[in-house]
Amino acid sequence: MKPSAEELFGPAGTPRVVVVGAGFGGIATGVKLKQAGIHTFTIYESSLGIGGTWWDNTYPGAEVDVGSHLYCYSFKPGDWTRTHARQAELQKYLEETVDEFGLRPHVQLGVAVESATWDGARHVWTVRLDDGTVDECHVVISGVGFLNVPRYPDWPGLAEFEGPKFHTSRWEHQHDLTGKVVAVVGTGSTATQLVPAIQPIVKQLYVFQREPGWIMPKGERDFSNEERAAFTKRWRRQRERWRMRYIIEKTLWGGNLFRPGSKINETREQFCRDYIDRQFADRQDLRDAVTPTHPFGGKRPVFASTFYPALKQPNVELVPKAVASVTRTGIIDADGVERPVDVIVMATGFQAANYLARLRIVGRGGRTLQEHWGSEPRAFLGITVPGFPNFFMLYGPGTNGGELVIMLESQAEYAVRALKRMMRERVTAVEVKPSFEARWYRWLQSKMEGTSWTVSNNYFRSPSGKIVTQWPSGNMVYRAMTKLFGRLSETTRRRRV
């Protein structure tokens, strides 16, 4: 006779869950858990507020690259003021979601999860927190994502620089940039938003570019009052959401967008070239400097309508050189030219391939997740890892592609289905079979062959050189896989009662 759910999981009869992170992924998980009737969970967030990346990244100009009506939960539409929502509006949206779905009592802010260790005899995770306390749970769900550990450069002399210096994801608002000489290092998505935002107020702006990326105009703007009124109708919001989703799915179908030589890849690259030609028709120097030499998609494509015009302003100088070193009062580029600056802003990205860098996960046999991975992070569907029962990742290895929020919802639903199976079948451990992870990783790596990712300098690579962050297709295929392969890939066990 099977033991009861109460005997296995406690008086509530539902597994105790720890969710790490209160960003889009962690909040989606909380909502899905409550919808499944599971209320025995805690969301630990290291920051002092809700939002994840939208709490951390408060730099001027911060906004999303995807249309607002798509970059939101399927279960909660937003009353958006812009085609592409800015940081403050997104953070407010997440706060509203937490309150609307009753998650506030489950959230503990300012508490970081340092480690989680699996107890194979009791089938529980021992979770150590940075306040010195210990929690126990049956299931751990990581919602920390992969763009959360800033990449700080190792320029000689940086520590001796006398002025303010900070990473864009750790913006220091106490420094007024008005009338200052500012250096922004980097020209990725963050820098293309930041530069136009601060250009009107600074005295001089130096933009250091190690390598240009392909940029497409985004068309961002405020919605008119008439548009906002129209979007109060549910069918109008849904139509807009499905329109944008169709465009993304059509573009990503088959993965040819990221394959040099394919029609869609060549068309997209030519579109970007034409955009450069239009913007810099009278500036051959800038036209040459911003034109990449790698194929389209080799680095993360950038959507920005105001960055190129900002580069042409009289108080902006694009320096198409890497930073070689820093002095007490300035920056020296790779050609040895020094430029005096008051402030250094590092738009140098994140340690994308260094998954769960701040979270020590110890699975069966005392083996850590990093030891299991070696130099190649991998997980079945980017979610589960053999040897780590009842552990699930959101936005894990190989899932950076398509539309992010849809991916996160799919992954949260995957984890919740496993929990429901635990309750239904009275099992206390669910784990992916090693054969499924191995086959998945081989298949995913085969899809990387011939892509522009493999021939470009980007943050998608692991130390071994493998592309470990990317998903090569759209959401539809991935979502179908999460629904079809979950149960097939799992093995279950029950602890002794």
Protein backbone atom coordinates (compact mmCIF):
# COMPACT_ATOMS: atom_id res chain seq x y z
CA MET A 1 0.00 0.00 0.00
CA LYS A 2 1.31 3.41 -0.98
CA PRO A 3 1.99 5.91 1.80
CA SER A 4 -0.25 8.96 1.89
CA ALA A 5 0.84 12.33 0.56
CA GLU A 6 0.77 13.61 4.14
CA GLU A 7 3.21 10.90 5.21
CA LEU A 8 5.56 11.75 2.36
CA PHE A 9 5.35 15.54 2.26
CA GLY A 10 3.94 16.71 5.57
CA PRO A 11 0.55 17.91 6.80
CA ALA A 12 -0.25 19.92 3.67
CA GLY A 13 0.20 16.85 1.48
CA THR A 14 2.17 18.85 -1.09
CA PRO A 15 5.94 18.99 -1.64
CA ARG A 16 7.79 21.84 0.01
CA VAL A 17 9.43 23.96 -2.73
CA VAL A 18 12.19 26.56 -2.70
CA VAL A 19 12.24 28.91 -5.69
CA VAL A 20 15.46 30.88 -6.20
CA GLY A 21 14.88 34.35 -7.64
CA ALA A 22 11.88 36.68 -7.94
CA GLY A 23 12.26 37.73 -11.55
CA PHE A 24 10.03 36.75 -14.46
CA GLY A 25 10.91 33.06 -14.01
CA GLY A 26 10.48 32.84 -10.24
CA ILE A 27 7.20 34.72 -10.29
CA ALA A 28 5.83 32.55 -13.11
CA THR A 29 6.75 29.50 -11.05
CA GLY A 30 4.93 30.87 -8.00
CA VAL A 31 1.78 31.48 -10.02
CA LYS A 32 1.89 28.02 -11.61
CA LEU A 33 2.39 26.40 -8.20
CA LYS A 34 -0.63 28.17 -6.74
CA GLN A 35 -2.74 27.30 -9.76
CA ALA A 36 -1.81 23.65 -9.15
CA GLY A 37 -2.94 23.89 -5.54
CA ILE A 38 0.60 23.88 -4.16
CA HIS A 39 1.04 26.61 -1.56
CA THR A 40 4.02 25.14 0.31
CA PHE A 41 6.72 27.21 -1.35
CA THR A 42 9.07 30.09 -0.64
CA ILE A 43 10.65 32.41 -3.20
CA TYR A 44 14.04 33.67 -2.01
CA GLU A 45 15.32 36.82 -3.71
CA SER A 46 18.79 38.20 -2.99
CA SER A 47 17.85 41.74 -4.04
CA LEU A 48 15.70 44.06 -1.97
CA GLY A 49 12.92 44.19 -4.53
CA ILE A 50 10.89 42.17 -7.02
CA GLY A 51 11.94 41.98 -10.64
CA GLY A 52 15.21 40.14 -11.17
CA THR A 53 16.98 41.77 -14.10
CA TRP A 54 14.36 44.53 -14.10
CA TRP A 55 15.27 45.36 -10.52
CA ASP A 56 19.02 45.24 -11.14
CA ASN A 57 19.23 47.10 -14.44
CA THR A 58 18.15 50.67 -13.73
CA TYR A 59 20.56 52.41 -16.11
CA PRO A 60 19.15 55.32 -18.13
CA GLY A 61 17.26 54.12 -21.18
CA ALA A 62 16.76 50.52 -19.98
CA GLU A 63 13.90 48.90 -21.85
CA VAL A 64 12.91 45.57 -23.39
CA ASP A 65 13.73 44.54 -26.97
CA VAL A 66 10.48 42.61 -27.50
CA GLY A 67 7.06 44.16 -27.99
CA SER A 68 5.39 44.80 -24.63
CA HIS A 69 2.25 42.81 -25.41
CA LEU A 70 4.39 39.73 -25.98
CA TYR A 71 6.94 40.32 -23.24
CA CYS A 72 4.45 39.56 -20.49
CA TYR A 73 2.73 36.56 -18.97
CA SER A 74 0.00 34.75 -20.85
CA PHE A 75 -2.08 34.86 -17.66
CA LYS A 76 -1.66 38.59 -17.02
CA PRO A 77 -1.86 41.21 -19.79
CA GLY A 78 -0.30 44.59 -19.13
CA ASP A 79 -1.65 48.10 -19.61
CA TRP A 80 1.46 49.17 -21.48
CA THR A 81 2.31 52.77 -22.28
CA ARG A 82 4.96 51.96 -24.91
CA THR A 83 5.57 49.56 -27.75
CA HIS A 84 8.65 48.40 -25.77
CA ALA A 85 8.24 48.82 -22.03
CA ARG A 86 10.92 50.58 -20.00
CA GLN A 87 12.50 49.21 -16.84
CA ALA A 88 10.27 51.02 -14.34
CA GLU A 89 7.08 49.88 -16.07
CA LEU A 90 8.27 46.26 -16.25
CA GLN A 91 9.29 46.23 -12.62
CA LYS A 92 5.90 47.69 -11.65
CA TYR A 93 4.17 45.02 -13.75
CA LEU A 94 5.99 42.27 -11.85
CA GLU A 95 5.09 43.85 -8.51
CA GLU A 96 1.45 43.91 -9.60
CA THR A 97 1.63 40.25 -10.62
CA VAL A 98 3.01 39.27 -7.21
CA ASP A 99 0.14 41.04 -5.46
CA GLU A 100 -2.62 40.00 -7.86
CA PHE A 101 -1.78 36.30 -7.49
CA GLY A 102 -1.12 36.40 -3.76
CA LEU A 103 2.60 35.66 -3.89
CA ARG A 104 3.75 38.34 -1.46
CA PRO A 105 3.55 36.07 1.64
CA HIS A 106 5.74 33.54 -0.17
CA VAL A 107 8.52 36.00 -1.09
CA GLN A 108 11.51 36.71 1.12
CA LEU A 109 13.55 39.66 -0.15
CA GLY A 110 17.18 40.35 0.66
CA VAL A 111 17.89 36.66 1.27
CA ALA A 112 20.24 34.83 -1.06
CA VAL A 113 20.40 31.08 -1.46
CA GLU A 114 24.05 30.09 -1.17
CA SER A 115 23.79 26.32 -1.61
CA ALA A 116 21.45 23.36 -1.81
CA THR A 117 22.53 19.83 -0.91
CA TRP A 118 20.57 16.67 -1.68
CA ASP A 119 19.95 14.22 1.15
CA GLY A 120 19.63 10.86 -0.56
CA ALA A 121 18.25 9.07 2.50
CA ARG A 122 15.48 11.55 3.27
CA HIS A 123 14.89 12.83 -0.27
CA VAL A 124 15.07 16.48 0.74
CA TRP A 125 17.27 19.43 -0.16
CA THR A 126 19.13 21.27 2.60
CA VAL A 127 19.17 24.92 1.54
CA ARG A 128 21.67 27.29 3.12
CA LEU A 129 20.86 31.00 3.08
CA ASP A 130 23.22 33.94 3.35
CA ASP A 131 21.63 35.09 6.62
CA GLY A 132 23.03 31.97 8.28
CA THR A 133 19.76 30.04 8.40
CA VAL A 134 18.94 26.69 6.84
CA ASP A 135 15.75 25.66 5.07
CA GLU A 136 14.65 22.23 3.91
CA CYS A 137 12.49 21.35 0.95
CA HIS A 138 11.62 18.53 -1.39
CA VAL A 139 12.14 20.51 -4.62
CA VAL A 140 14.45 23.33 -5.69
CA ILE A 141 13.59 25.45 -8.73
CA SER A 142 16.24 27.90 -9.90
CA GLY A 143 14.92 31.05 -11.53
CA VAL A 144 18.19 33.01 -11.51
CA GLY A 145 18.60 33.00 -15.29
CA PHE A 146 21.98 33.41 -16.94
CA LEU A 147 22.46 37.15 -17.48
CA ASN A 148 22.88 37.95 -13.81
CA VAL A 149 26.62 37.85 -13.08
CA PRO A 150 28.28 41.01 -14.45
CA ARG A 151 31.43 40.61 -16.50
CA TYR A 152 33.96 43.04 -15.10
CA PRO A 153 36.98 43.75 -17.30
CA ASP A 154 40.54 43.17 -16.11
CA TRP A 155 42.03 46.33 -17.55
CA PRO A 156 45.35 47.29 -15.94
CA GLY A 157 44.92 50.38 -13.78
CA LEU A 158 41.14 50.19 -13.41
CA ALA A 159 41.37 50.05 -9.61
CA GLU A 160 43.45 53.26 -9.58
CA PHE A 161 40.95 55.32 -11.61
CA GLU A 162 39.96 58.27 -9.42
CA GLY A 163 36.48 58.93 -10.78
CA PRO A 164 33.27 56.91 -10.53
CA LYS A 165 33.39 53.54 -12.32
CA PHE A 166 30.54 51.03 -12.39
CA HIS A 167 28.83 48.31 -14.42
CA THR A 168 25.53 49.15 -16.11
CA SER A 169 23.72 46.46 -14.10
CA ARG A 170 24.98 48.08 -10.89
CA TRP A 171 24.23 51.68 -11.84
CA GLU A 172 25.31 54.22 -9.21
CA HIS A 173 22.59 56.85 -9.29
CA GLN A 174 24.35 59.12 -6.82
CA HIS A 175 26.62 60.32 -9.63
CA ASP A 176 25.22 63.16 -11.74
CA LEU A 177 26.57 62.85 -15.29
CA THR A 178 25.47 66.34 -16.29
CA GLY A 179 28.38 68.21 -17.85
CA LYS A 180 30.80 65.31 -17.32
CA VAL A 181 33.14 63.56 -19.71
CA VAL A 182 31.90 59.99 -19.76
CA ALA A 183 33.28 56.79 -21.28
CA VAL A 184 30.87 54.00 -22.14
CA VAL A 185 32.72 50.78 -22.90
CA GLY A 186 30.74 48.37 -25.04
CA THR A 187 28.23 48.62 -27.88
CA GLY A 188 25.82 45.76 -27.16
CA SER A 189 22.13 46.00 -26.37
CA THR A 190 22.66 47.84 -23.08
CA ALA A 191 25.01 50.45 -24.51
CA THR A 192 22.72 51.16 -27.47
CA GLN A 193 19.99 52.13 -24.99
CA LEU A 194 22.27 53.98 -22.58
CA VAL A 195 24.20 56.15 -25.05
CA PRO A 196 21.15 58.01 -26.52
CA ALA A 197 19.74 58.45 -23.00
CA ILE A 198 22.79 60.24 -21.54
CA GLN A 199 24.12 61.95 -24.68
CA PRO A 200 22.00 65.12 -24.25
CA ILE A 201 23.29 65.83 -20.72
CA VAL A 202 26.99 64.96 -20.83
CA LYS A 203 29.76 67.29 -21.95
CA GLN A 204 31.59 64.64 -23.94
CA LEU A 205 30.80 60.97 -24.51
CA TYR A 206 33.39 58.44 -25.66
CA VAL A 207 31.94 55.13 -26.83
CA PHE A 208 34.57 52.39 -26.91
CA GLN A 209 33.76 49.59 -29.34
CA ARG A 210 35.87 46.44 -29.47
CA GLU A 211 33.75 44.90 -32.22
CA PRO A 212 30.53 46.16 -33.83
CA GLY A 213 27.31 44.16 -33.91
CA TRP A 214 24.44 44.07 -36.36
CA ILE A 215 21.76 46.62 -35.45
CA MET A 216 18.16 46.88 -36.63
CA PRO A 217 15.78 49.77 -35.96
CA LYS A 218 13.32 48.87 -33.21
CA GLY A 219 10.61 51.44 -33.82
CA GLU A 220 10.08 52.05 -30.12
CA ARG A 221 7.56 54.77 -29.21
CA ASP A 222 4.80 55.69 -26.78
CA PHE A 223 1.31 54.39 -27.48
CA SER A 224 -1.28 57.06 -28.23
CA ASN A 225 -4.27 57.43 -25.92
CA GLU A 226 -6.43 55.88 -28.63
CA GLU A 227 -4.14 52.85 -28.89
CA ARG A 228 -4.10 52.32 -25.14
CA ALA A 229 -7.88 52.54 -25.04
CA ALA A 230 -8.13 49.97 -27.83
CA PHE A 231 -5.80 47.58 -25.98
CA THR A 232 -8.13 47.51 -22.98
CA LYS A 233 -10.19 45.09 -25.07
CA ARG A 234 -9.01 41.55 -24.45
CA TRP A 235 -9.31 40.46 -28.09
CA ARG A 236 -7.17 43.37 -29.27
CA ARG A 237 -4.42 42.47 -26.81
CA GLN A 238 -4.58 38.83 -27.81
CA ARG A 239 -4.50 39.67 -31.50
CA GLU A 240 -1.42 41.84 -31.03
CA ARG A 241 0.26 39.15 -28.94
CA TRP A 242 -0.38 36.46 -31.52
CA ARG A 243 0.71 38.77 -34.36
CA MET A 244 4.08 39.35 -32.74
CA ARG A 245 4.42 35.70 -31.81
CA TYR A 246 3.71 34.65 -35.39
CA ILE A 247 6.40 36.98 -36.71
CA ILE A 248 9.00 35.60 -34.29
CA GLU A 249 8.05 31.96 -34.93
CA LYS A 250 8.12 32.46 -38.70
CA THR A 251 11.52 34.14 -38.47
CA LEU A 252 13.07 31.46 -36.27
CA TRP A 253 11.46 28.41 -37.88
CA GLY A 254 14.09 25.86 -38.84
CA GLY A 255 16.94 27.88 -37.36
CA ASN A 256 18.01 29.29 -40.75
CA LEU A 257 18.12 32.83 -39.42
CA PHE A 258 21.44 31.93 -37.79
CA ARG A 259 22.91 30.02 -40.76
CA PRO A 260 25.16 32.06 -43.07
CA GLY A 261 24.23 31.55 -46.68
CA SER A 262 20.55 30.95 -46.03
CA LYS A 263 18.11 33.31 -47.69
CA ILE A 264 16.71 34.72 -44.45
CA ASN A 265 20.17 35.25 -42.96
CA GLU A 266 21.39 37.10 -46.05
CA THR A 267 18.19 39.15 -46.22
CA ARG A 268 18.48 40.18 -42.58
CA GLU A 269 22.15 41.08 -42.94
CA GLN A 270 21.41 43.19 -46.03
CA PHE A 271 18.63 44.95 -44.13
CA CYS A 272 21.17 45.93 -41.48
CA ARG A 273 23.67 47.07 -44.10
CA ASP A 274 21.03 49.23 -45.75
CA TYR A 275 20.22 50.75 -42.35
CA ILE A 276 23.87 51.62 -41.84
CA ASP A 277 24.07 53.17 -45.31
CA ARG A 278 21.01 55.33 -44.67
CA GLN A 279 22.18 56.52 -41.27
CA PHE A 280 25.76 57.27 -42.24
CA ALA A 281 25.44 58.40 -45.84
CA ASP A 282 27.57 61.45 -45.01
CA ARG A 283 29.90 59.75 -42.50
CA GLN A 284 32.05 57.15 -44.22
CA ASP A 285 34.25 56.90 -41.12
CA LEU A 286 31.33 55.85 -38.93
CA ARG A 287 29.85 53.65 -41.63
CA ASP A 288 33.05 51.62 -41.77
CA ALA A 289 33.44 51.55 -37.99
CA VAL A 290 29.95 50.19 -37.22
CA THR A 291 29.86 47.56 -39.99
CA PRO A 292 30.56 44.07 -38.57
CA THR A 293 32.79 41.53 -40.25
CA HIS A 294 31.01 38.50 -38.76
CA PRO A 295 27.81 37.03 -40.25
CA PHE A 296 24.41 38.14 -39.02
CA GLY A 297 23.45 36.50 -35.73
CA GLY A 298 27.01 35.71 -34.69
CA LYS A 299 26.59 38.06 -31.78
CA ARG A 300 23.27 38.93 -30.19
CA PRO A 301 21.40 41.09 -32.75
CA VAL A 302 20.65 44.55 -31.40
CA PHE A 303 17.37 46.41 -31.82
CA ALA A 304 17.89 50.18 -31.51
CA SER A 305 16.47 53.16 -33.37
CA THR A 306 18.32 55.97 -31.57
CA PHE A 307 21.87 54.64 -31.19
CA TYR A 308 23.20 55.47 -34.67
CA PRO A 309 21.78 59.02 -34.59
CA ALA A 310 23.40 59.53 -31.17
CA LEU A 311 26.81 58.59 -32.57
CA LYS A 312 26.57 61.52 -35.00
CA GLN A 313 26.04 64.11 -32.29
CA PRO A 314 28.89 66.64 -31.87
CA ASN A 315 29.61 65.62 -28.25
CA VAL A 316 29.94 61.90 -29.08
CA GLU A 317 33.04 60.12 -30.36
CA LEU A 318 32.98 56.47 -31.34
CA VAL A 319 36.33 54.90 -30.53
CA PRO A 320 36.48 51.67 -32.58
CA LYS A 321 39.20 50.24 -30.39
CA ALA A 322 39.39 47.97 -27.37
CA VAL A 323 40.43 49.42 -24.03
CA ALA A 324 44.06 48.58 -23.26
CA SER A 325 44.43 50.12 -19.82
CA VAL A 326 43.17 52.78 -17.46
CA THR A 327 45.06 55.63 -15.79
CA ARG A 328 44.06 57.65 -12.74
CA THR A 329 42.24 60.13 -14.99
CA GLY A 330 41.53 58.46 -18.30
CA ILE A 331 41.37 55.49 -20.66
CA ILE A 332 44.07 54.29 -23.06
CA ASP A 333 42.86 52.48 -26.16
CA ALA A 334 44.58 49.69 -28.09
CA ASP A 335 46.47 52.23 -30.21
CA GLY A 336 47.95 53.85 -27.11
CA VAL A 337 45.79 56.99 -27.28
CA GLU A 338 44.69 58.31 -23.89
CA ARG A 339 41.42 60.17 -23.42
CA PRO A 340 40.77 61.96 -20.11
CA VAL A 341 37.37 61.04 -18.62
CA ASP A 342 35.45 61.81 -15.45
CA VAL A 343 33.32 58.64 -15.33
CA ILE A 344 33.72 55.09 -16.68
CA VAL A 345 30.57 53.09 -17.40
CA MET A 346 31.19 49.42 -18.15
CA ALA A 347 28.59 48.02 -20.56
CA THR A 348 30.65 44.85 -20.72
CA GLY A 349 27.90 42.28 -20.41
CA PHE A 350 27.62 39.18 -18.26
CA GLN A 351 29.22 35.80 -17.64
CA ALA A 352 26.49 34.16 -19.68
CA ALA A 353 27.97 30.65 -19.98
CA ASN A 354 28.86 30.54 -16.27
CA TYR A 355 25.51 29.08 -15.20
CA LEU A 356 24.55 29.18 -11.52
CA ALA A 357 27.90 30.75 -10.69
CA ARG A 358 26.66 31.96 -7.31
CA LEU A 359 24.61 28.91 -6.37
CA ARG A 360 26.32 25.71 -5.19
CA ILE A 361 24.15 22.70 -5.99
CA VAL A 362 25.29 19.34 -4.54
CA GLY A 363 23.49 16.30 -5.91
CA ARG A 364 23.62 12.57 -5.34
CA GLY A 365 26.98 11.27 -4.14
CA GLY A 366 28.17 14.71 -3.10
CA ARG A 367 28.91 15.82 -6.66
CA THR A 368 28.35 19.48 -7.47
CA LEU A 369 26.60 20.71 -10.58
CA GLN A 370 29.81 22.37 -11.76
CA GLU A 371 31.69 19.09 -11.34
CA HIS A 372 29.06 17.29 -13.38
CA TRP A 373 29.28 19.90 -16.12
CA GLY A 374 33.02 20.40 -16.23
CA SER A 375 33.47 23.06 -18.90
CA GLU A 376 30.16 22.43 -20.70
CA PRO A 377 26.89 23.38 -18.94
CA ARG A 378 24.07 21.16 -20.17
CA ALA A 379 20.65 19.95 -19.08
CA PHE A 380 17.77 18.06 -20.64
CA LEU A 381 15.55 20.70 -22.22
CA GLY A 382 17.76 23.12 -20.28
CA ILE A 383 15.78 22.16 -17.16
CA THR A 384 16.87 18.88 -15.52
CA VAL A 385 20.22 17.19 -14.85
CA PRO A 386 20.86 13.51 -14.01
CA GLY A 387 22.20 13.05 -10.49
CA PHE A 388 20.20 16.03 -9.23
CA PRO A 389 16.72 14.80 -8.27
CA ASN A 390 13.90 17.31 -7.80
CA PHE A 391 16.05 20.13 -9.17
CA PHE A 392 14.80 22.27 -12.04
CA MET A 393 16.31 25.23 -13.88
CA LEU A 394 14.55 28.04 -15.69
CA TYR A 395 16.48 29.72 -18.52
CA GLY A 396 19.10 27.01 -18.23
CA PRO A 397 21.71 25.92 -20.80
CA GLY A 398 20.53 25.82 -24.39
CA THR A 399 17.33 27.79 -23.92
CA ASN A 400 18.32 31.31 -24.99
CA GLY A 401 16.10 31.79 -27.99
CA GLY A 402 12.57 32.59 -29.04
CA GLU A 403 10.53 34.80 -26.73
CA LEU A 404 11.83 34.65 -23.17
CA VAL A 405 8.64 34.86 -21.11
CA ILE A 406 6.97 32.07 -23.09
CA MET A 407 10.09 29.94 -22.52
CA LEU A 408 9.99 30.64 -18.80
CA GLU A 409 6.31 29.75 -18.52
CA SER A 410 6.95 26.49 -20.38
CA GLN A 411 9.78 25.60 -18.01
CA ALA A 412 7.78 26.50 -14.90
CA GLU A 413 4.90 24.35 -16.12
CA TYR A 414 7.35 21.48 -16.73
CA ALA A 415 8.54 21.63 -13.12
CA VAL A 416 5.00 21.85 -11.75
CA ARG A 417 3.92 18.81 -13.78
CA ALA A 418 6.74 16.86 -12.12
CA LEU A 419 5.50 17.97 -8.69
CA LYS A 420 1.96 16.91 -9.53
CA ARG A 421 3.32 13.52 -10.58
CA MET A 422 5.10 13.23 -7.22
CA MET A 423 1.81 13.80 -5.41
CA ARG A 424 -0.27 11.62 -7.73
CA GLU A 425 2.08 8.61 -7.78
CA ARG A 426 3.33 9.09 -4.21
CA VAL A 427 7.00 9.34 -5.20
CA THR A 428 9.57 11.56 -3.52
CA ALA A 429 12.27 11.87 -6.20
CA VAL A 430 11.96 12.69 -9.89
CA GLU A 431 15.14 12.67 -11.96
CA VAL A 432 15.99 12.80 -15.65
CA LYS A 433 17.52 9.65 -17.11
CA PRO A 434 21.19 10.09 -18.13
CA SER A 435 20.46 8.73 -21.60
CA PHE A 436 17.95 11.48 -22.27
CA GLU A 437 20.34 14.23 -21.21
CA ALA A 438 23.15 12.75 -23.31
CA ARG A 439 21.01 12.40 -26.43
CA TRP A 440 19.54 15.84 -25.96
CA TYR A 441 22.98 17.43 -25.69
CA ARG A 442 24.27 15.61 -28.78
CA TRP A 443 21.22 16.69 -30.76
CA LEU A 444 21.47 20.29 -29.57
CA GLN A 445 25.16 20.46 -30.42
CA SER A 446 24.43 19.09 -33.89
CA LYS A 447 22.09 22.04 -34.39
CA MET A 448 24.93 24.44 -33.57
CA GLU A 449 27.01 23.21 -36.53
CA GLY A 450 27.12 25.66 -39.39
CA THR A 451 25.58 28.52 -37.44
CA SER A 452 26.97 32.04 -37.27
CA TRP A 453 27.41 31.50 -33.53
CA THR A 454 30.32 29.13 -34.15
CA VAL A 455 32.35 31.57 -36.25
CA SER A 456 31.91 34.72 -34.19
CA ASN A 457 33.20 36.20 -30.96
CA ASN A 458 30.27 36.03 -28.55
CA TYR A 459 29.21 35.19 -25.00
CA PHE A 460 27.47 31.97 -26.04
CA ARG A 461 30.56 29.77 -25.63
CA SER A 462 31.68 27.62 -22.74
CA PRO A 463 35.38 27.40 -21.83
CA SER A 464 35.55 24.30 -24.07
CA GLY A 465 34.44 26.37 -27.05
CA LYS A 466 31.01 24.76 -27.39
CA ILE A 467 27.93 26.93 -27.88
CA VAL A 468 26.00 26.14 -24.68
CA THR A 469 23.52 28.98 -24.24
CA GLN A 470 21.50 29.02 -27.46
CA TRP A 471 18.21 27.50 -28.58
CA PRO A 472 18.17 27.26 -32.41
CA SER A 473 14.44 27.49 -33.11
CA GLY A 474 11.25 29.14 -31.90
CA ASN A 475 9.02 28.69 -28.87
CA MET A 476 6.48 26.41 -30.52
CA VAL A 477 8.91 23.51 -31.00
CA TYR A 478 10.42 23.93 -27.54
CA ARG A 479 7.06 24.16 -25.81
CA ALA A 480 5.90 20.99 -27.56
CA MET A 481 9.03 19.18 -26.40
CA THR A 482 8.48 20.17 -22.78
CA LYS A 483 4.98 18.73 -22.95
CA LEU A 484 5.91 15.52 -24.76
CA PHE A 485 9.19 14.43 -23.21
CA GLY A 486 8.87 15.24 -19.51
CA ARG A 487 7.37 11.99 -18.28
CA LEU A 488 9.27 9.87 -20.82
CA SER A 489 12.59 11.26 -19.64
CA GLU A 490 11.96 10.78 -15.91
CA THR A 491 12.74 8.06 -13.45
CA THR A 492 11.12 8.12 -10.02
CA ARG A 493 11.84 6.80 -6.53
CA ARG A 494 10.11 6.79 -3.17
CA ARG A 495 11.91 7.16 0.11
CA ARG A 496 11.21 4.74 2.88
CA VAL A 497 8.56 5.97 5.29
